[in-house]
């Protein structure tokens, strides 16, 4: 399992970008992967890098479909191989 933190920012689209974010979240939801929305990013659990990059591509396309002309993507990947890591196990380890 791979955990990834994803933030996607359409640039030059005004102060509020919530309509872009909503469409990006719809793409994540459609993927069927477990995800958690935070204040500044979304964390997803995916089986492998191919699945992650396809998901990022779909979120990117959702922003383009809303008319974004410039998009910045911030992606952090946690590919832990020594044991299974999920959003919940990460949370449990610090509580």
N, C-alpha and C. Protein backbone atom coordinates (compact mmCIF):
# COMPACT_ATOMS: atom_id res chain seq x y z
N UNK A 1 0.85 -1.18 0.00
CA UNK A 1 0.00 0.00 0.00
C UNK A 1 0.89 1.23 0.00
N UNK A 2 0.53 2.19 -0.82
CA UNK A 2 1.23 3.47 -0.87
C UNK A 2 0.31 4.55 -0.34
N UNK A 3 0.85 5.41 0.51
CA UNK A 3 0.13 6.59 0.95
C UNK A 3 0.68 7.78 0.19
N UNK A 4 -0.20 8.66 -0.21
CA UNK A 4 0.24 9.86 -0.91
C UNK A 4 -0.56 11.06 -0.43
N UNK A 5 0.13 12.18 -0.33
CA UNK A 5 -0.51 13.45 0.01
C UNK A 5 -0.51 14.29 -1.25
N UNK A 6 -1.67 14.73 -1.65
CA UNK A 6 -1.85 15.42 -2.91
C UNK A 6 -2.49 16.79 -2.70
N UNK A 7 -1.85 17.81 -3.24
CA UNK A 7 -2.42 19.16 -3.28
C UNK A 7 -2.33 19.64 -4.72
N UNK A 8 -3.43 20.13 -5.23
CA UNK A 8 -3.48 20.61 -6.61
C UNK A 8 -3.98 22.04 -6.59
N UNK A 9 -3.21 22.93 -7.23
CA UNK A 9 -3.52 24.35 -7.19
C UNK A 9 -3.64 24.91 -8.60
N UNK A 10 -4.84 25.31 -8.99
CA UNK A 10 -4.94 26.06 -10.25
C UNK A 10 -4.43 27.48 -9.99
N UNK A 11 -3.57 27.96 -10.84
CA UNK A 11 -2.95 29.27 -10.67
C UNK A 11 -3.64 30.30 -11.56
N UNK A 12 -3.82 31.50 -11.01
CA UNK A 12 -4.38 32.60 -11.80
C UNK A 12 -5.88 32.53 -11.98
N UNK A 13 -6.55 31.80 -11.08
CA UNK A 13 -8.00 31.62 -11.22
C UNK A 13 -8.79 32.37 -10.16
N UNK A 14 -8.18 33.36 -9.54
CA UNK A 14 -8.88 34.15 -8.54
C UNK A 14 -8.59 33.66 -7.13
N UNK A 15 -9.30 34.25 -6.19
CA UNK A 15 -9.07 33.96 -4.78
C UNK A 15 -9.64 32.60 -4.38
N UNK A 16 -10.85 32.30 -4.79
CA UNK A 16 -11.49 31.04 -4.44
C UNK A 16 -11.29 30.01 -5.55
N UNK A 17 -10.78 28.85 -5.17
CA UNK A 17 -10.58 27.77 -6.15
C UNK A 17 -11.40 26.53 -5.77
N UNK A 18 -12.41 26.72 -4.94
CA UNK A 18 -13.18 25.57 -4.43
C UNK A 18 -13.85 24.77 -5.54
N UNK A 19 -14.25 25.42 -6.62
CA UNK A 19 -14.91 24.65 -7.69
C UNK A 19 -13.94 23.66 -8.32
N UNK A 20 -12.67 24.02 -8.40
CA UNK A 20 -11.65 23.12 -8.92
C UNK A 20 -11.40 21.97 -7.94
N UNK A 21 -11.28 22.32 -6.69
CA UNK A 21 -11.02 21.31 -5.65
C UNK A 21 -12.17 20.30 -5.62
N UNK A 22 -13.39 20.77 -5.70
CA UNK A 22 -14.55 19.87 -5.68
C UNK A 22 -14.50 18.86 -6.81
N UNK A 23 -14.10 19.30 -7.98
CA UNK A 23 -14.01 18.38 -9.13
C UNK A 23 -12.84 17.41 -8.96
N UNK A 24 -11.76 17.88 -8.38
CA UNK A 24 -10.64 16.99 -8.09
C UNK A 24 -11.04 15.90 -7.09
N UNK A 25 -11.78 16.29 -6.07
CA UNK A 25 -12.26 15.33 -5.07
C UNK A 25 -13.21 14.32 -5.71
N UNK A 26 -14.04 14.78 -6.64
CA UNK A 26 -14.94 13.85 -7.34
C UNK A 26 -14.13 12.78 -8.09
N UNK A 27 -13.02 13.19 -8.70
CA UNK A 27 -12.17 12.24 -9.41
C UNK A 27 -11.55 11.23 -8.44
N UNK A 28 -11.16 11.70 -7.27
CA UNK A 28 -10.60 10.79 -6.27
C UNK A 28 -11.68 9.83 -5.78
N UNK A 29 -12.85 10.37 -5.48
CA UNK A 29 -13.96 9.53 -5.02
C UNK A 29 -14.31 8.47 -6.05
N UNK A 30 -14.33 8.85 -7.32
CA UNK A 30 -14.66 7.93 -8.41
C UNK A 30 -13.65 6.78 -8.51
N UNK A 31 -12.42 7.02 -8.09
CA UNK A 31 -11.38 5.99 -8.17
C UNK A 31 -11.67 4.81 -7.26
N UNK A 32 -12.41 5.05 -6.19
CA UNK A 32 -12.71 3.99 -5.23
C UNK A 32 -11.65 3.80 -4.16
N UNK A 33 -10.56 4.55 -4.22
CA UNK A 33 -9.51 4.43 -3.22
C UNK A 33 -9.92 5.17 -1.95
N UNK A 34 -9.40 4.68 -0.83
CA UNK A 34 -9.66 5.36 0.44
C UNK A 34 -8.92 6.69 0.42
N UNK A 35 -9.58 7.73 0.91
CA UNK A 35 -8.96 9.06 0.94
C UNK A 35 -9.48 9.83 2.14
N UNK A 36 -8.75 10.87 2.49
CA UNK A 36 -9.13 11.74 3.59
C UNK A 36 -8.79 13.17 3.20
N UNK A 37 -9.76 14.04 3.26
CA UNK A 37 -9.59 15.44 2.89
C UNK A 37 -9.11 16.22 4.10
N UNK A 38 -8.04 16.99 3.92
CA UNK A 38 -7.54 17.87 4.96
C UNK A 38 -7.75 19.31 4.54
N UNK A 39 -7.32 20.22 5.37
CA UNK A 39 -7.49 21.64 5.10
C UNK A 39 -6.70 22.13 3.90
N UNK A 40 -5.55 21.51 3.64
CA UNK A 40 -4.68 21.97 2.56
C UNK A 40 -4.28 20.88 1.58
N UNK A 41 -4.69 19.65 1.86
CA UNK A 41 -4.31 18.54 0.97
C UNK A 41 -5.24 17.37 1.21
N UNK A 42 -5.09 16.37 0.37
CA UNK A 42 -5.86 15.14 0.49
C UNK A 42 -4.88 13.98 0.53
N UNK A 43 -5.12 13.04 1.43
CA UNK A 43 -4.29 11.84 1.54
C UNK A 43 -5.07 10.68 0.92
N UNK A 44 -4.38 9.87 0.12
CA UNK A 44 -5.01 8.71 -0.51
C UNK A 44 -4.17 7.47 -0.25
N UNK A 45 -4.85 6.32 -0.22
CA UNK A 45 -4.21 5.02 -0.16
C UNK A 45 -4.38 4.36 -1.52
N UNK A 46 -3.29 3.99 -2.14
CA UNK A 46 -3.35 3.34 -3.46
C UNK A 46 -2.45 2.10 -3.45
N UNK A 47 -2.73 1.14 -4.32
CA UNK A 47 -1.94 -0.09 -4.29
C UNK A 47 -0.52 0.03 -4.84
N UNK A 48 -0.29 0.95 -5.78
CA UNK A 48 1.03 1.05 -6.39
C UNK A 48 1.19 2.40 -7.09
N UNK A 49 2.40 2.66 -7.58
CA UNK A 49 2.68 3.94 -8.23
C UNK A 49 1.88 4.16 -9.51
N UNK A 50 1.66 3.10 -10.27
CA UNK A 50 0.86 3.25 -11.49
C UNK A 50 -0.53 3.77 -11.17
N UNK A 51 -1.14 3.20 -10.13
CA UNK A 51 -2.47 3.65 -9.71
C UNK A 51 -2.43 5.10 -9.24
N UNK A 52 -1.39 5.45 -8.49
CA UNK A 52 -1.25 6.81 -7.99
C UNK A 52 -1.12 7.81 -9.14
N UNK A 53 -0.25 7.51 -10.09
CA UNK A 53 -0.04 8.46 -11.18
C UNK A 53 -1.27 8.58 -12.07
N UNK A 54 -2.02 7.51 -12.24
CA UNK A 54 -3.27 7.60 -12.98
C UNK A 54 -4.27 8.47 -12.23
N UNK A 55 -4.33 8.32 -10.91
CA UNK A 55 -5.22 9.14 -10.11
C UNK A 55 -4.83 10.61 -10.21
N UNK A 56 -3.54 10.92 -10.09
CA UNK A 56 -3.07 12.31 -10.22
C UNK A 56 -3.43 12.85 -11.60
N UNK A 57 -3.26 12.05 -12.62
CA UNK A 57 -3.62 12.46 -13.98
C UNK A 57 -5.11 12.79 -14.06
N UNK A 58 -5.95 11.98 -13.43
CA UNK A 58 -7.39 12.22 -13.46
C UNK A 58 -7.79 13.49 -12.70
N UNK A 59 -7.13 13.73 -11.58
CA UNK A 59 -7.39 14.97 -10.83
C UNK A 59 -6.94 16.17 -11.65
N UNK A 60 -5.79 16.07 -12.27
CA UNK A 60 -5.28 17.12 -13.15
C UNK A 60 -6.28 17.42 -14.27
N UNK A 61 -6.80 16.36 -14.89
CA UNK A 61 -7.77 16.53 -15.96
C UNK A 61 -9.05 17.19 -15.47
N UNK A 62 -9.47 16.86 -14.26
CA UNK A 62 -10.67 17.48 -13.69
C UNK A 62 -10.49 18.99 -13.57
N UNK A 63 -9.29 19.43 -13.20
CA UNK A 63 -9.02 20.87 -13.13
C UNK A 63 -9.01 21.49 -14.53
N UNK A 64 -8.41 20.80 -15.47
CA UNK A 64 -8.42 21.30 -16.85
C UNK A 64 -9.84 21.42 -17.38
N UNK A 65 -10.66 20.43 -17.06
CA UNK A 65 -12.06 20.44 -17.52
C UNK A 65 -12.84 21.62 -16.95
N UNK A 66 -12.39 22.14 -15.81
CA UNK A 66 -13.02 23.32 -15.21
C UNK A 66 -12.48 24.62 -15.79
N UNK A 67 -11.50 24.50 -16.69
CA UNK A 67 -10.98 25.69 -17.35
C UNK A 67 -9.65 26.20 -16.84
N UNK A 68 -9.02 25.48 -15.92
CA UNK A 68 -7.72 25.94 -15.41
C UNK A 68 -6.71 26.02 -16.54
N UNK A 69 -5.94 27.08 -16.54
CA UNK A 69 -4.92 27.30 -17.56
C UNK A 69 -3.52 26.99 -17.07
N UNK A 70 -3.38 26.92 -15.74
CA UNK A 70 -2.08 26.59 -15.14
C UNK A 70 -2.35 25.86 -13.83
N UNK A 71 -1.65 24.74 -13.63
CA UNK A 71 -1.90 23.90 -12.46
C UNK A 71 -0.57 23.51 -11.83
N UNK A 72 -0.48 23.67 -10.52
CA UNK A 72 0.68 23.21 -9.76
C UNK A 72 0.23 22.02 -8.92
N UNK A 73 1.01 20.94 -8.96
CA UNK A 73 0.69 19.74 -8.21
C UNK A 73 1.82 19.47 -7.22
N UNK A 74 1.44 19.34 -5.95
CA UNK A 74 2.38 19.01 -4.89
C UNK A 74 2.03 17.59 -4.44
N UNK A 75 2.98 16.66 -4.61
CA UNK A 75 2.73 15.25 -4.33
C UNK A 75 3.82 14.71 -3.41
N UNK A 76 3.41 14.13 -2.30
CA UNK A 76 4.33 13.44 -1.39
C UNK A 76 3.93 11.97 -1.37
N UNK A 77 4.92 11.10 -1.44
CA UNK A 77 4.65 9.66 -1.51
C UNK A 77 5.36 8.96 -0.37
N UNK A 78 4.62 8.11 0.34
CA UNK A 78 5.18 7.27 1.40
C UNK A 78 5.00 5.82 0.96
N UNK A 79 6.07 5.22 0.45
CA UNK A 79 6.05 3.84 -0.02
C UNK A 79 6.82 2.98 0.98
N UNK A 80 6.14 2.59 2.03
CA UNK A 80 6.78 1.84 3.11
C UNK A 80 6.71 0.35 2.80
N UNK A 81 7.86 -0.31 2.82
CA UNK A 81 7.94 -1.72 2.43
C UNK A 81 8.08 -2.68 3.61
N UNK A 82 8.45 -2.17 4.79
CA UNK A 82 8.70 -3.08 5.92
C UNK A 82 7.44 -3.52 6.65
N UNK A 83 6.33 -2.79 6.47
CA UNK A 83 5.05 -3.20 7.04
C UNK A 83 3.93 -2.43 6.35
N UNK A 84 2.71 -2.93 6.51
CA UNK A 84 1.58 -2.24 5.92
C UNK A 84 1.34 -0.92 6.62
N UNK A 85 1.15 0.11 5.84
CA UNK A 85 0.85 1.43 6.39
C UNK A 85 -0.40 1.95 5.71
N UNK A 86 -1.31 2.43 6.51
CA UNK A 86 -2.55 3.02 6.01
C UNK A 86 -2.75 4.37 6.68
N UNK A 87 -3.73 5.09 6.23
CA UNK A 87 -4.04 6.37 6.88
C UNK A 87 -4.30 6.12 8.36
N UNK A 88 -5.06 5.08 8.67
CA UNK A 88 -5.42 4.80 10.05
C UNK A 88 -4.21 4.36 10.90
N UNK A 89 -3.34 3.52 10.35
CA UNK A 89 -2.17 3.10 11.14
C UNK A 89 -1.24 4.27 11.40
N UNK A 90 -1.11 5.18 10.45
CA UNK A 90 -0.29 6.37 10.65
C UNK A 90 -0.89 7.23 11.77
N UNK A 91 -2.21 7.39 11.75
CA UNK A 91 -2.88 8.18 12.78
C UNK A 91 -2.72 7.51 14.14
N UNK A 92 -2.92 6.19 14.19
CA UNK A 92 -2.80 5.47 15.46
C UNK A 92 -1.41 5.57 16.05
N UNK A 93 -0.39 5.65 15.24
CA UNK A 93 0.99 5.68 15.73
C UNK A 93 1.33 6.96 16.46
N UNK A 94 0.55 7.99 16.27
CA UNK A 94 0.83 9.27 16.95
C UNK A 94 -0.23 9.67 17.98
N UNK A 95 -1.19 8.81 18.18
CA UNK A 95 -2.22 9.14 19.18
C UNK A 95 -2.00 8.39 20.46
